[in-house]
């Protein structure tokens, strides 16, 4: 299966009241785990790189090639969307040039007029090459690659203006945050989500999907969320499984237990398990 831009997939998800998972990759193990889980479940998947992860991995072109070649080597047959997560203007343009299928231009920290104007430019560039665009309205709380958001609720009128640029899906701040949720988090603001869903037919995106209770995620999906981002939960599961392997002495006592292929295997399996679990949560139907 070649990479796809996902427009039809996400439009059908919103109509069908289910969502497609968007999972961040950080290296080869992450890539194999995400793709392997999606293939086993028979569902489309969006695999994405943040700006920081892409820099760590060696650049956007390398990331794209890694995903493409892993799809080939693993004989992945489900639809896969290669996406830039929380890209600034320069990163979005570079990923369009490199050949990603989908890019997120995150201009929430700019004055709204500038965010709107740059979103229009990114939409024009991406659509000319058959690529999808995600924009953001309101601020997703927490920190993402040095961009800190306080979690402002999406303004409905601003959302309508961004939507009018022709974006293919729209991320909205509805009380969600990046990273781990604090004990005093008060939950998603469903009243604002309903206002957004009533005003916009474009698929909506829930960022900060790690740590939101299952019932709240599923309620949000029923109201118009068609894409759910997950990253922190995979990172935490990877760290926990790797720590367990080392604390149990496998790296020292097993035959060649220090081999990175063995050392990283439990963490990779943990990521795969999280991805499969979240696919079930989101109700993503099999395409097999």
C-alpha atoms as a PDB file:
ATOM      1  CA  UNK A   1       0.000   0.000   0.000  1.00  0.00           C
ATOM      2  CA  UNK A   2       1.392   3.371  -0.973  1.00  0.00           C
ATOM      3  CA  UNK A   3       1.091   6.360   1.319  1.00  0.00           C
ATOM      4  CA  UNK A   4      -2.177   8.313   1.048  1.00  0.00           C
ATOM      5  CA  UNK A   5      -3.269  11.813   2.051  1.00  0.00           C
ATOM      6  CA  UNK A   6      -6.136  10.558   4.203  1.00  0.00           C
ATOM      7  CA  UNK A   7      -8.825  13.017   3.140  1.00  0.00           C
ATOM      8  CA  UNK A   8     -11.436  10.391   2.331  1.00  0.00           C
ATOM      9  CA  UNK A   9     -10.456   8.357   5.381  1.00  0.00           C
ATOM     10  CA  UNK A  10     -11.014  11.220   7.827  1.00  0.00           C
ATOM     11  CA  UNK A  11     -14.173  12.443   6.112  1.00  0.00           C
ATOM     12  CA  UNK A  12     -15.635   8.949   6.443  1.00  0.00           C
ATOM     13  CA  UNK A  13     -14.476   8.796  10.071  1.00  0.00           C
ATOM     14  CA  UNK A  14     -16.404  11.925  10.979  1.00  0.00           C
ATOM     15  CA  UNK A  15     -19.514  10.721   9.163  1.00  0.00           C
ATOM     16  CA  UNK A  16     -19.244   7.294  10.770  1.00  0.00           C
ATOM     17  CA  UNK A  17     -18.557   8.587  14.307  1.00  0.00           C
ATOM     18  CA  UNK A  18     -15.221   6.841  14.712  1.00  0.00           C
ATOM     19  CA  UNK A  19     -11.657   8.152  14.683  1.00  0.00           C
ATOM     20  CA  UNK A  20      -8.302   7.224  13.193  1.00  0.00           C
ATOM     21  CA  UNK A  21      -5.268   7.199  15.458  1.00  0.00           C
ATOM     22  CA  UNK A  22      -2.291   9.467  14.844  1.00  0.00           C
ATOM     23  CA  UNK A  23       0.847   8.111  16.492  1.00  0.00           C
ATOM     24  CA  UNK A  24       4.223   9.840  16.688  1.00  0.00           C
ATOM     25  CA  UNK A  25       7.337   7.989  15.658  1.00  0.00           C
ATOM     26  CA  UNK A  26      10.733   8.610  17.213  1.00  0.00           C
ATOM     27  CA  UNK A  27      12.903   5.920  15.608  1.00  0.00           C
ATOM     28  CA  UNK A  28      12.822   2.586  13.767  1.00  0.00           C
ATOM     29  CA  UNK A  29      11.306   0.708  16.707  1.00  0.00           C
ATOM     30  CA  UNK A  30       8.446   3.204  16.999  1.00  0.00           C
ATOM     31  CA  UNK A  31       7.836   3.015  13.257  1.00  0.00           C
ATOM     32  CA  UNK A  32       7.719  -0.777  13.191  1.00  0.00           C
ATOM     33  CA  UNK A  33       5.473  -0.921  16.260  1.00  0.00           C
ATOM     34  CA  UNK A  34       2.925   1.558  14.891  1.00  0.00           C
ATOM     35  CA  UNK A  35       2.797   0.020  11.427  1.00  0.00           C
ATOM     36  CA  UNK A  36       2.729  -3.536  12.803  1.00  0.00           C
ATOM     37  CA  UNK A  37      -0.182  -2.747  15.119  1.00  0.00           C
ATOM     38  CA  UNK A  38      -2.194  -1.113  12.347  1.00  0.00           C
ATOM     39  CA  UNK A  39      -1.536  -4.031  10.007  1.00  0.00           C
ATOM     40  CA  UNK A  40      -2.622  -6.559  12.643  1.00  0.00           C
ATOM     41  CA  UNK A  41      -5.831  -4.613  13.325  1.00  0.00           C
ATOM     42  CA  UNK A  42      -6.378  -4.005   9.604  1.00  0.00           C
ATOM     43  CA  UNK A  43      -6.959  -0.282  10.063  1.00  0.00           C
ATOM     44  CA  UNK A  44      -5.672   2.933   8.489  1.00  0.00           C
ATOM     45  CA  UNK A  45      -3.102   4.770  10.586  1.00  0.00           C
ATOM     46  CA  UNK A  46      -1.482   8.161  10.630  1.00  0.00           C
ATOM     47  CA  UNK A  47       2.211   8.099  11.525  1.00  0.00           C
ATOM     48  CA  UNK A  48       3.639  11.491  12.328  1.00  0.00           C
ATOM     49  CA  UNK A  49       6.854  13.262  13.232  1.00  0.00           C
ATOM     50  CA  UNK A  50       7.202  16.325  15.385  1.00  0.00           C
ATOM     51  CA  UNK A  51       9.834  18.878  14.447  1.00  0.00           C
ATOM     52  CA  UNK A  52      11.990  17.735  17.354  1.00  0.00           C
ATOM     53  CA  UNK A  53      11.742  14.057  16.490  1.00  0.00           C
ATOM     54  CA  UNK A  54      12.549  14.751  12.846  1.00  0.00           C
ATOM     55  CA  UNK A  55      15.650  16.699  13.862  1.00  0.00           C
ATOM     56  CA  UNK A  56      16.711  13.853  16.165  1.00  0.00           C
ATOM     57  CA  UNK A  57      16.151  11.252  13.445  1.00  0.00           C
ATOM     58  CA  UNK A  58      18.094  13.142  10.789  1.00  0.00           C
ATOM     59  CA  UNK A  59      15.575  15.279   8.946  1.00  0.00           C
ATOM     60  CA  UNK A  60      12.181  15.068   7.267  1.00  0.00           C
ATOM     61  CA  UNK A  61      13.406  13.320   4.142  1.00  0.00           C
ATOM     62  CA  UNK A  62      15.038  10.579   6.198  1.00  0.00           C
ATOM     63  CA  UNK A  63      11.834  10.178   8.242  1.00  0.00           C
ATOM     64  CA  UNK A  64       9.744   9.856   5.101  1.00  0.00           C
ATOM     65  CA  UNK A  65      12.157   7.345   3.583  1.00  0.00           C
ATOM     66  CA  UNK A  66      12.209   5.338   6.822  1.00  0.00           C
ATOM     67  CA  UNK A  67       8.430   5.037   6.853  1.00  0.00           C
ATOM     68  CA  UNK A  68       8.232   4.236   3.145  1.00  0.00           C
ATOM     69  CA  UNK A  69      10.904   1.545   3.327  1.00  0.00           C
ATOM     70  CA  UNK A  70       9.461   0.056   6.515  1.00  0.00           C
ATOM     71  CA  UNK A  71       6.053  -0.208   4.844  1.00  0.00           C
ATOM     72  CA  UNK A  72       7.749  -2.065   2.007  1.00  0.00           C
ATOM     73  CA  UNK A  73       9.874  -4.361   4.165  1.00  0.00           C
ATOM     74  CA  UNK A  74       6.976  -5.266   6.487  1.00  0.00           C
ATOM     75  CA  UNK A  75       4.547  -5.692   3.572  1.00  0.00           C
ATOM     76  CA  UNK A  76       2.103  -3.231   5.112  1.00  0.00           C
ATOM     77  CA  UNK A  77      -1.153  -3.217   3.135  1.00  0.00           C
ATOM     78  CA  UNK A  78      -3.342  -0.858   5.212  1.00  0.00           C
ATOM     79  CA  UNK A  79      -3.523   2.853   4.288  1.00  0.00           C
ATOM     80  CA  UNK A  80      -0.800   4.944   5.950  1.00  0.00           C
ATOM     81  CA  UNK A  81      -0.709   8.744   6.135  1.00  0.00           C
ATOM     82  CA  UNK A  82       2.686  10.398   6.716  1.00  0.00           C
ATOM     83  CA  UNK A  83       2.082  13.596   8.669  1.00  0.00           C
ATOM     84  CA  UNK A  84       3.984  16.517  10.167  1.00  0.00           C
ATOM     85  CA  UNK A  85       2.803  17.172  13.721  1.00  0.00           C
ATOM     86  CA  UNK A  86       2.803  20.757  15.065  1.00  0.00           C
ATOM     87  CA  UNK A  87       4.966  22.175  12.315  1.00  0.00           C
ATOM     88  CA  UNK A  88       5.799  25.842  12.043  1.00  0.00           C
ATOM     89  CA  UNK A  89       5.583  27.642   8.700  1.00  0.00           C
ATOM     90  CA  UNK A  90       9.103  26.651   7.580  1.00  0.00           C
ATOM     91  CA  UNK A  91       8.687  23.024   8.634  1.00  0.00           C
ATOM     92  CA  UNK A  92       5.350  22.706   6.853  1.00  0.00           C
ATOM     93  CA  UNK A  93       6.838  24.068   3.624  1.00  0.00           C
ATOM     94  CA  UNK A  94       9.821  21.723   3.880  1.00  0.00           C
ATOM     95  CA  UNK A  95       7.616  18.664   4.416  1.00  0.00           C
ATOM     96  CA  UNK A  96       5.491  19.644   1.428  1.00  0.00           C
ATOM     97  CA  UNK A  97       8.662  19.868  -0.654  1.00  0.00           C
ATOM     98  CA  UNK A  98      10.025  16.571   0.696  1.00  0.00           C
ATOM     99  CA  UNK A  99       6.797  14.723  -0.054  1.00  0.00           C
ATOM    100  CA  UNK A 100       4.872  14.089   3.160  1.00  0.00           C
ATOM    101  CA  UNK A 101       1.209  13.253   2.539  1.00  0.00           C
ATOM    102  CA  UNK A 102      -0.099  15.614   5.169  1.00  0.00           C
ATOM    103  CA  UNK A 103       1.188  18.540   7.223  1.00  0.00           C
ATOM    104  CA  UNK A 104       0.024  20.406  10.271  1.00  0.00           C
ATOM    105  CA  UNK A 105       0.734  24.107  10.250  1.00  0.00           C
ATOM    106  CA  UNK A 106       0.447  25.180  13.867  1.00  0.00           C
ATOM    107  CA  UNK A 107       0.143  28.948  13.937  1.00  0.00           C
ATOM    108  CA  UNK A 108      -1.770  29.228  17.194  1.00  0.00           C
ATOM    109  CA  UNK A 109       1.043  31.229  18.821  1.00  0.00           C
ATOM    110  CA  UNK A 110       0.936  33.868  16.049  1.00  0.00           C
ATOM    111  CA  UNK A 111      -1.472  36.789  15.853  1.00  0.00           C
ATOM    112  CA  UNK A 112      -4.653  35.331  14.400  1.00  0.00           C
ATOM    113  CA  UNK A 113      -4.457  37.357  11.181  1.00  0.00           C
ATOM    114  CA  UNK A 114      -0.960  35.992  10.546  1.00  0.00           C
ATOM    115  CA  UNK A 115      -2.034  32.458  11.413  1.00  0.00           C
ATOM    116  CA  UNK A 116      -4.895  32.783   8.930  1.00  0.00           C
ATOM    117  CA  UNK A 117      -2.716  34.196   6.140  1.00  0.00           C
ATOM    118  CA  UNK A 118       0.005  31.560   6.533  1.00  0.00           C
ATOM    119  CA  UNK A 119      -2.559  28.779   6.745  1.00  0.00           C
ATOM    120  CA  UNK A 120      -3.922  29.950   3.372  1.00  0.00           C
ATOM    121  CA  UNK A 121      -0.421  29.787   1.883  1.00  0.00           C
ATOM    122  CA  UNK A 122       0.250  26.301   3.251  1.00  0.00           C
ATOM    123  CA  UNK A 123      -3.125  25.060   1.974  1.00  0.00           C
ATOM    124  CA  UNK A 124      -2.349  26.400  -1.505  1.00  0.00           C
ATOM    125  CA  UNK A 125       1.108  24.785  -1.583  1.00  0.00           C
ATOM    126  CA  UNK A 126      -0.045  21.452  -0.168  1.00  0.00           C
ATOM    127  CA  UNK A 127      -3.202  21.084  -2.231  1.00  0.00           C
ATOM    128  CA  UNK A 128      -1.237  21.751  -5.408  1.00  0.00           C
ATOM    129  CA  UNK A 129       0.638  18.524  -4.642  1.00  0.00           C
ATOM    130  CA  UNK A 130      -2.358  16.528  -3.430  1.00  0.00           C
ATOM    131  CA  UNK A 131      -1.414  16.796   0.243  1.00  0.00           C
ATOM    132  CA  UNK A 132      -3.632  17.378   3.262  1.00  0.00           C
ATOM    133  CA  UNK A 133      -3.397  20.249   5.750  1.00  0.00           C
ATOM    134  CA  UNK A 134      -4.272  20.431   9.424  1.00  0.00           C
ATOM    135  CA  UNK A 135      -4.525  23.768  11.205  1.00  0.00           C
ATOM    136  CA  UNK A 136      -5.041  24.621  14.861  1.00  0.00           C
ATOM    137  CA  UNK A 137      -7.474  26.951  16.559  1.00  0.00           C
ATOM    138  CA  UNK A 138      -7.158  27.625  20.253  1.00  0.00           C
ATOM    139  CA  UNK A 139      -4.119  26.469  22.176  1.00  0.00           C
ATOM    140  CA  UNK A 140      -3.467  22.873  23.175  1.00  0.00           C
ATOM    141  CA  UNK A 141      -2.194  23.006  26.736  1.00  0.00           C
ATOM    142  CA  UNK A 142       1.243  21.780  27.751  1.00  0.00           C
ATOM    143  CA  UNK A 143       4.534  21.799  25.849  1.00  0.00           C
ATOM    144  CA  UNK A 144       5.297  20.501  22.362  1.00  0.00           C
ATOM    145  CA  UNK A 145       8.833  21.005  21.007  1.00  0.00           C
ATOM    146  CA  UNK A 146       9.281  24.191  23.011  1.00  0.00           C
ATOM    147  CA  UNK A 147       5.880  25.643  22.112  1.00  0.00           C
ATOM    148  CA  UNK A 148       3.918  26.083  25.336  1.00  0.00           C
ATOM    149  CA  UNK A 149       0.165  26.406  25.282  1.00  0.00           C
ATOM    150  CA  UNK A 150      -2.040  27.284  28.213  1.00  0.00           C
ATOM    151  CA  UNK A 151      -5.004  25.407  26.846  1.00  0.00           C
ATOM    152  CA  UNK A 152      -7.207  28.257  25.614  1.00  0.00           C
ATOM    153  CA  UNK A 153     -10.551  27.114  24.271  1.00  0.00           C
ATOM    154  CA  UNK A 154     -10.979  27.374  20.521  1.00  0.00           C
ATOM    155  CA  UNK A 155     -12.837  30.465  19.381  1.00  0.00           C
ATOM    156  CA  UNK A 156     -15.713  29.342  17.162  1.00  0.00           C
ATOM    157  CA  UNK A 157     -15.572  32.350  14.838  1.00  0.00           C
ATOM    158  CA  UNK A 158     -11.818  31.933  14.383  1.00  0.00           C
ATOM    159  CA  UNK A 159     -12.374  28.231  13.729  1.00  0.00           C
ATOM    160  CA  UNK A 160     -14.849  29.098  10.958  1.00  0.00           C
ATOM    161  CA  UNK A 161     -12.354  31.481   9.362  1.00  0.00           C
ATOM    162  CA  UNK A 162      -9.537  28.918   9.470  1.00  0.00           C
ATOM    163  CA  UNK A 163     -11.858  26.284   8.105  1.00  0.00           C
ATOM    164  CA  UNK A 164     -12.727  28.569   5.188  1.00  0.00           C
ATOM    165  CA  UNK A 165      -9.085  28.450   4.039  1.00  0.00           C
ATOM    166  CA  UNK A 166      -9.749  24.911   2.809  1.00  0.00           C
ATOM    167  CA  UNK A 167      -7.942  22.968   5.534  1.00  0.00           C
ATOM    168  CA  UNK A 168      -8.672  19.254   5.519  1.00  0.00           C
ATOM    169  CA  UNK A 169      -8.895  18.838   9.291  1.00  0.00           C
ATOM    170  CA  UNK A 170      -8.852  21.195  12.221  1.00  0.00           C
ATOM    171  CA  UNK A 171      -7.252  20.760  15.643  1.00  0.00           C
ATOM    172  CA  UNK A 172      -9.193  22.486  18.393  1.00  0.00           C
ATOM    173  CA  UNK A 173      -8.433  23.433  21.944  1.00  0.00           C
ATOM    174  CA  UNK A 174     -11.185  22.005  24.154  1.00  0.00           C
ATOM    175  CA  UNK A 175      -9.333  21.648  27.446  1.00  0.00           C
ATOM    176  CA  UNK A 176      -6.887  19.038  26.145  1.00  0.00           C
ATOM    177  CA  UNK A 177      -3.150  19.231  26.891  1.00  0.00           C
ATOM    178  CA  UNK A 178       0.097  17.657  25.757  1.00  0.00           C
ATOM    179  CA  UNK A 179       2.002  15.392  28.104  1.00  0.00           C
ATOM    180  CA  UNK A 180       0.684  13.943  31.347  1.00  0.00           C
ATOM    181  CA  UNK A 181      -2.579  15.331  32.682  1.00  0.00           C
ATOM    182  CA  UNK A 182      -2.378  16.875  36.168  1.00  0.00           C
ATOM    183  CA  UNK A 183      -4.560  15.643  39.023  1.00  0.00           C
ATOM    184  CA  UNK A 184      -6.582  18.856  38.959  1.00  0.00           C
ATOM    185  CA  UNK A 185      -7.472  18.605  35.252  1.00  0.00           C
ATOM    186  CA  UNK A 186     -11.196  19.258  34.892  1.00  0.00           C
ATOM    187  CA  UNK A 187     -11.825  17.298  31.688  1.00  0.00           C
ATOM    188  CA  UNK A 188     -12.729  18.109  28.091  1.00  0.00           C
ATOM    189  CA  UNK A 189     -15.072  21.011  27.436  1.00  0.00           C
ATOM    190  CA  UNK A 190     -17.812  19.282  25.490  1.00  0.00           C
ATOM    191  CA  UNK A 191     -19.965  22.397  25.240  1.00  0.00           C
ATOM    192  CA  UNK A 192     -17.282  24.091  23.149  1.00  0.00           C
ATOM    193  CA  UNK A 193     -16.731  20.946  21.087  1.00  0.00           C
ATOM    194  CA  UNK A 194     -20.452  20.869  20.298  1.00  0.00           C
ATOM    195  CA  UNK A 195     -20.349  24.501  19.177  1.00  0.00           C
ATOM    196  CA  UNK A 196     -17.410  23.733  16.901  1.00  0.00           C
ATOM    197  CA  UNK A 197     -19.012  20.586  15.514  1.00  0.00           C
ATOM    198  CA  UNK A 198     -22.227  22.470  14.769  1.00  0.00           C
ATOM    199  CA  UNK A 199     -20.312  25.213  12.934  1.00  0.00           C
ATOM    200  CA  UNK A 200     -17.829  23.078  10.966  1.00  0.00           C
ATOM    201  CA  UNK A 201     -18.294  19.883   8.955  1.00  0.00           C
ATOM    202  CA  UNK A 202     -14.540  19.385   8.490  1.00  0.00           C
ATOM    203  CA  UNK A 203     -13.049  16.493  10.531  1.00  0.00           C
ATOM    204  CA  UNK A 204     -11.892  17.716  13.938  1.00  0.00           C
ATOM    205  CA  UNK A 205      -8.695  16.658  15.699  1.00  0.00           C
ATOM    206  CA  UNK A 206      -8.097  15.895  19.370  1.00  0.00           C
ATOM    207  CA  UNK A 207      -4.496  16.509  20.394  1.00  0.00           C
ATOM    208  CA  UNK A 208      -3.127  15.362  23.736  1.00  0.00           C
ATOM    209  CA  UNK A 209      -4.973  12.053  23.518  1.00  0.00           C
ATOM    210  CA  UNK A 210      -2.644  10.402  26.035  1.00  0.00           C
ATOM    211  CA  UNK A 211      -4.236  10.344  29.467  1.00  0.00           C
ATOM    212  CA  UNK A 212      -7.768  11.389  28.536  1.00  0.00           C
ATOM    213  CA  UNK A 213     -10.197   8.792  29.965  1.00  0.00           C
ATOM    214  CA  UNK A 214     -11.660   6.378  27.448  1.00  0.00           C
ATOM    215  CA  UNK A 215     -15.229   7.551  27.986  1.00  0.00           C
ATOM    216  CA  UNK A 216     -14.313  11.181  27.284  1.00  0.00           C
ATOM    217  CA  UNK A 217     -12.383  10.265  24.142  1.00  0.00           C
ATOM    218  CA  UNK A 218     -15.291   8.213  22.846  1.00  0.00           C
ATOM    219  CA  UNK A 219     -17.780  10.965  23.628  1.00  0.00           C
ATOM    220  CA  UNK A 220     -15.600  13.462  21.747  1.00  0.00           C
ATOM    221  CA  UNK A 221     -15.447  11.076  18.777  1.00  0.00           C
ATOM    222  CA  UNK A 222     -19.226  10.769  18.762  1.00  0.00           C
ATOM    223  CA  UNK A 223     -19.405  14.580  18.510  1.00  0.00           C
ATOM    224  CA  UNK A 224     -17.089  15.060  15.510  1.00  0.00           C
ATOM    225  CA  UNK A 225     -13.502  14.204  16.469  1.00  0.00           C
ATOM    226  CA  UNK A 226     -12.102  12.097  13.623  1.00  0.00           C
ATOM    227  CA  UNK A 227      -8.373  12.065  14.454  1.00  0.00           C
ATOM    228  CA  UNK A 228      -6.850  11.454  17.886  1.00  0.00           C
ATOM    229  CA  UNK A 229      -3.165  12.084  18.581  1.00  0.00           C
ATOM    230  CA  UNK A 230      -1.252   9.748  20.889  1.00  0.00           C
ATOM    231  CA  UNK A 231       2.409  10.063  21.842  1.00  0.00           C
ATOM    232  CA  UNK A 232       3.075  10.371  25.583  1.00  0.00           C
ATOM    233  CA  UNK A 233       1.414   7.038  26.415  1.00  0.00           C
ATOM    234  CA  UNK A 234       3.683   5.257  23.945  1.00  0.00           C
ATOM    235  CA  UNK A 235       6.750   6.963  25.411  1.00  0.00           C
ATOM    236  CA  UNK A 236       5.761   6.028  28.958  1.00  0.00           C
ATOM    237  CA  UNK A 237       4.992   2.422  28.001  1.00  0.00           C
ATOM    238  CA  UNK A 238       8.333   2.130  26.198  1.00  0.00           C
ATOM    239  CA  UNK A 239      10.216   3.506  29.199  1.00  0.00           C
ATOM    240  CA  UNK A 240       8.392   1.238  31.665  1.00  0.00           C
ATOM    241  CA  UNK A 241       9.040  -1.929  29.672  1.00  0.00           C
ATOM    242  CA  UNK A 242      12.682  -1.043  29.063  1.00  0.00           C
ATOM    243  CA  UNK A 243      13.217  -0.273  32.753  1.00  0.00           C
ATOM    244  CA  UNK A 244      11.663  -3.621  33.718  1.00  0.00           C
ATOM    245  CA  UNK A 245      13.976  -5.480  31.321  1.00  0.00           C
ATOM    246  CA  UNK A 246      17.038  -3.859  32.858  1.00  0.00           C
ATOM    247  CA  UNK A 247      15.891  -4.061  36.483  1.00  0.00           C
ATOM    248  CA  UNK A 248      15.279  -7.780  36.028  1.00  0.00           C
ATOM    249  CA  UNK A 249      18.897  -8.108  34.873  1.00  0.00           C
ATOM    250  CA  UNK A 250      18.203  -9.401  31.368  1.00  0.00           C
ATOM    251  CA  UNK A 251      20.848  -7.114  29.881  1.00  0.00           C
ATOM    252  CA  UNK A 252      23.494  -8.712  32.123  1.00  0.00           C
ATOM    253  CA  UNK A 253      22.293 -12.275  32.661  1.00  0.00           C
ATOM    254  CA  UNK A 254      20.659 -13.369  29.398  1.00  0.00           C
ATOM    255  CA  UNK A 255      22.770 -14.537  26.476  1.00  0.00           C
ATOM    256  CA  UNK A 256      23.693 -11.307  24.700  1.00  0.00           C
ATOM    257  CA  UNK A 257      20.927  -9.573  26.622  1.00  0.00           C
ATOM    258  CA  UNK A 258      22.753  -6.299  26.021  1.00  0.00           C
ATOM    259  CA  UNK A 259      22.121  -6.602  22.264  1.00  0.00           C
ATOM    260  CA  UNK A 260      20.042  -3.516  21.385  1.00  0.00           C
ATOM    261  CA  UNK A 261      17.655  -5.686  19.405  1.00  0.00           C
ATOM    262  CA  UNK A 262      16.865  -7.570  22.603  1.00  0.00           C
ATOM    263  CA  UNK A 263      17.119  -4.534  24.866  1.00  0.00           C
ATOM    264  CA  UNK A 264      14.600  -2.535  22.846  1.00  0.00           C
ATOM    265  CA  UNK A 265      12.204  -5.404  22.080  1.00  0.00           C
ATOM    266  CA  UNK A 266      10.041  -5.161  25.246  1.00  0.00           C
ATOM    267  CA  UNK A 267       9.568  -1.425  24.776  1.00  0.00           C
ATOM    268  CA  UNK A 268       8.673  -1.885  21.129  1.00  0.00           C
ATOM    269  CA  UNK A 269       6.093  -4.519  22.064  1.00  0.00           C
ATOM    270  CA  UNK A 270       4.655  -2.122  24.671  1.00  0.00           C
ATOM    271  CA  UNK A 271       4.191   0.579  22.017  1.00  0.00           C
ATOM    272  CA  UNK A 272       2.476  -1.902  19.732  1.00  0.00           C
ATOM    273  CA  UNK A 273       0.105  -2.906  22.523  1.00  0.00           C
ATOM    274  CA  UNK A 274      -0.808   0.745  23.220  1.00  0.00           C
ATOM    275  CA  UNK A 275      -1.485   1.412  19.529  1.00  0.00           C
ATOM    276  CA  UNK A 276      -3.730  -1.654  19.207  1.00  0.00           C
ATOM    277  CA  UNK A 277      -5.595  -0.694  22.369  1.00  0.00           C
ATOM    278  CA  UNK A 278      -6.204   2.850  21.168  1.00  0.00           C
ATOM    279  CA  UNK A 279      -7.377   1.641  17.766  1.00  0.00           C
ATOM    280  CA  UNK A 280     -10.029  -0.313  19.650  1.00  0.00           C
ATOM    281  CA  UNK A 281     -10.920   2.743  21.744  1.00  0.00           C
ATOM    282  CA  UNK A 282     -11.346   4.875  18.636  1.00  0.00           C
ATOM    283  CA  UNK A 283     -13.579   2.318  16.915  1.00  0.00           C
ATOM    284  CA  UNK A 284     -11.498   2.399  13.729  1.00  0.00           C
ATOM    285  CA  UNK A 285     -13.006  -0.177  11.341  1.00  0.00           C
ATOM    286  CA  UNK A 286     -10.886  -2.727   9.537  1.00  0.00           C
ATOM    287  CA  UNK A 287     -10.309  -2.171   5.826  1.00  0.00           C
ATOM    288  CA  UNK A 288      -9.305  -5.782   5.197  1.00  0.00           C
END
